Amino acid sequence: MIDTDQYTYRAEWSMEDLAWVATVAELPSMSWIAQTKQAALAGLAHLVKATVAQMAASREPVPAPGASP
């Protein structure tokens, strides 16, 4: 299984949402919004792990760390 901790995560402040928005380069359609940077990154990391596990279980291709779609 791929180690999703090696994925490229980023968090930025959103003036529109008045919150932190975390994204992951390898799965660009995913994001997580939270009131703190740490919470946004943690929430997204949890979501990414669950999603990658589901992808692997259904034999879908899972992006490698550092891979951009």
C-alpha atoms as a PDB file:
ATOM      1  CA  MET A   1       0.000   0.000   0.000  1.00  0.00           C
ATOM      2  CA  ILE A   2       1.142   3.532  -0.737  1.00  0.00           C
ATOM      3  CA  ASP A   3       2.294   5.667   2.191  1.00  0.00           C
ATOM      4  CA  THR A   4      -0.001   8.686   1.883  1.00  0.00           C
ATOM      5  CA  ASP A   5       2.164  10.586   4.392  1.00  0.00           C
ATOM      6  CA  GLN A   6       4.566  11.039   1.461  1.00  0.00           C
ATOM      7  CA  TYR A   7       1.939  12.865  -0.602  1.00  0.00           C
ATOM      8  CA  THR A   8       2.312  16.608  -1.189  1.00  0.00           C
ATOM      9  CA  TYR A   9      -0.019  18.440   1.200  1.00  0.00           C
ATOM     10  CA  ARG A  10      -0.532  22.193   1.345  1.00  0.00           C
ATOM     11  CA  ALA A  11      -2.684  24.501   3.455  1.00  0.00           C
ATOM     12  CA  GLU A  12      -3.601  28.064   2.566  1.00  0.00           C
ATOM     13  CA  TRP A  13      -5.766  30.690   4.209  1.00  0.00           C
ATOM     14  CA  SER A  14      -8.961  31.375   2.257  1.00  0.00           C
ATOM     15  CA  MET A  15     -10.371  34.874   2.563  1.00  0.00           C
ATOM     16  CA  GLU A  16     -13.525  33.629   0.848  1.00  0.00           C
ATOM     17  CA  ASP A  17     -14.095  30.875   3.421  1.00  0.00           C
ATOM     18  CA  LEU A  18     -12.368  32.638   6.333  1.00  0.00           C
ATOM     19  CA  ALA A  19     -10.706  29.313   7.085  1.00  0.00           C
ATOM     20  CA  TRP A  20      -7.720  27.159   6.182  1.00  0.00           C
ATOM     21  CA  VAL A  21      -8.045  25.000   3.058  1.00  0.00           C
ATOM     22  CA  ALA A  22      -5.809  21.947   2.739  1.00  0.00           C
ATOM     23  CA  THR A  23      -5.146  20.296  -0.618  1.00  0.00           C
ATOM     24  CA  VAL A  24      -3.096  17.355  -1.846  1.00  0.00           C
ATOM     25  CA  ALA A  25      -1.277  17.466  -5.197  1.00  0.00           C
ATOM     26  CA  GLU A  26      -1.727  13.780  -5.986  1.00  0.00           C
ATOM     27  CA  LEU A  27      -5.528  13.964  -5.614  1.00  0.00           C
ATOM     28  CA  PRO A  28      -6.395  17.496  -6.779  1.00  0.00           C
ATOM     29  CA  SER A  29     -10.153  17.108  -6.408  1.00  0.00           C
ATOM     30  CA  MET A  30      -9.797  16.623  -2.632  1.00  0.00           C
ATOM     31  CA  SER A  31      -9.699  19.373  -0.030  1.00  0.00           C
ATOM     32  CA  TRP A  32     -10.526  19.964   3.629  1.00  0.00           C
ATOM     33  CA  ILE A  33     -11.560  23.223   5.280  1.00  0.00           C
ATOM     34  CA  ALA A  34     -10.991  23.939   8.987  1.00  0.00           C
ATOM     35  CA  GLN A  35     -10.440  26.821  11.387  1.00  0.00           C
ATOM     36  CA  THR A  36      -6.781  25.943  11.991  1.00  0.00           C
ATOM     37  CA  LYS A  37      -4.024  24.963   9.590  1.00  0.00           C
ATOM     38  CA  GLN A  38      -3.272  21.834  11.608  1.00  0.00           C
ATOM     39  CA  ALA A  39      -6.919  20.736  11.623  1.00  0.00           C
ATOM     40  CA  ALA A  40      -7.223  21.250   7.871  1.00  0.00           C
ATOM     41  CA  LEU A  41      -4.113  19.165   7.195  1.00  0.00           C
ATOM     42  CA  ALA A  42      -5.118  16.451   9.666  1.00  0.00           C
ATOM     43  CA  GLY A  43      -8.648  16.205   8.275  1.00  0.00           C
ATOM     44  CA  LEU A  44      -7.391  15.940   4.730  1.00  0.00           C
ATOM     45  CA  ALA A  45      -4.751  13.354   5.651  1.00  0.00           C
ATOM     46  CA  HIS A  46      -7.450  11.189   7.254  1.00  0.00           C
ATOM     47  CA  LEU A  47      -9.699  11.536   4.189  1.00  0.00           C
ATOM     48  CA  VAL A  48      -6.828  10.734   1.808  1.00  0.00           C
ATOM     49  CA  LYS A  49      -5.879   7.580   3.762  1.00  0.00           C
ATOM     50  CA  ALA A  50      -9.475   6.339   3.675  1.00  0.00           C
ATOM     51  CA  THR A  51      -9.885   7.157  -0.003  1.00  0.00           C
ATOM     52  CA  VAL A  52      -6.627   5.489  -1.019  1.00  0.00           C
ATOM     53  CA  ALA A  53      -7.586   2.380   0.984  1.00  0.00           C
ATOM     54  CA  GLN A  54     -10.930   2.241  -0.865  1.00  0.00           C
ATOM     55  CA  MET A  55      -9.191   2.756  -4.210  1.00  0.00           C
ATOM     56  CA  ALA A  56      -6.752  -0.066  -3.481  1.00  0.00           C
ATOM     57  CA  ALA A  57      -9.545  -2.380  -2.297  1.00  0.00           C
ATOM     58  CA  SER A  58     -11.465  -1.826  -5.527  1.00  0.00           C
ATOM     59  CA  ARG A  59      -8.259  -2.207  -7.567  1.00  0.00           C
ATOM     60  CA  GLU A  60      -8.371   1.362  -8.872  1.00  0.00           C
ATOM     61  CA  PRO A  61      -5.039   2.948  -9.762  1.00  0.00           C
ATOM     62  CA  VAL A  62      -3.602   4.807  -6.772  1.00  0.00           C
ATOM     63  CA  PRO A  63      -1.342   7.800  -7.501  1.00  0.00           C
ATOM     64  CA  ALA A  64       2.246   7.469  -6.334  1.00  0.00           C
ATOM     65  CA  PRO A  65       3.712  10.155  -4.069  1.00  0.00           C
ATOM     66  CA  GLY A  66       4.934  13.077  -6.142  1.00  0.00           C
ATOM     67  CA  ALA A  67       2.716  12.116  -9.097  1.00  0.00           C
ATOM     68  CA  SER A  68       0.526  14.804 -10.577  1.00  0.00           C
ATOM     69  CA  PRO A  69      -2.533  13.756 -12.575  1.00  0.00           C
END
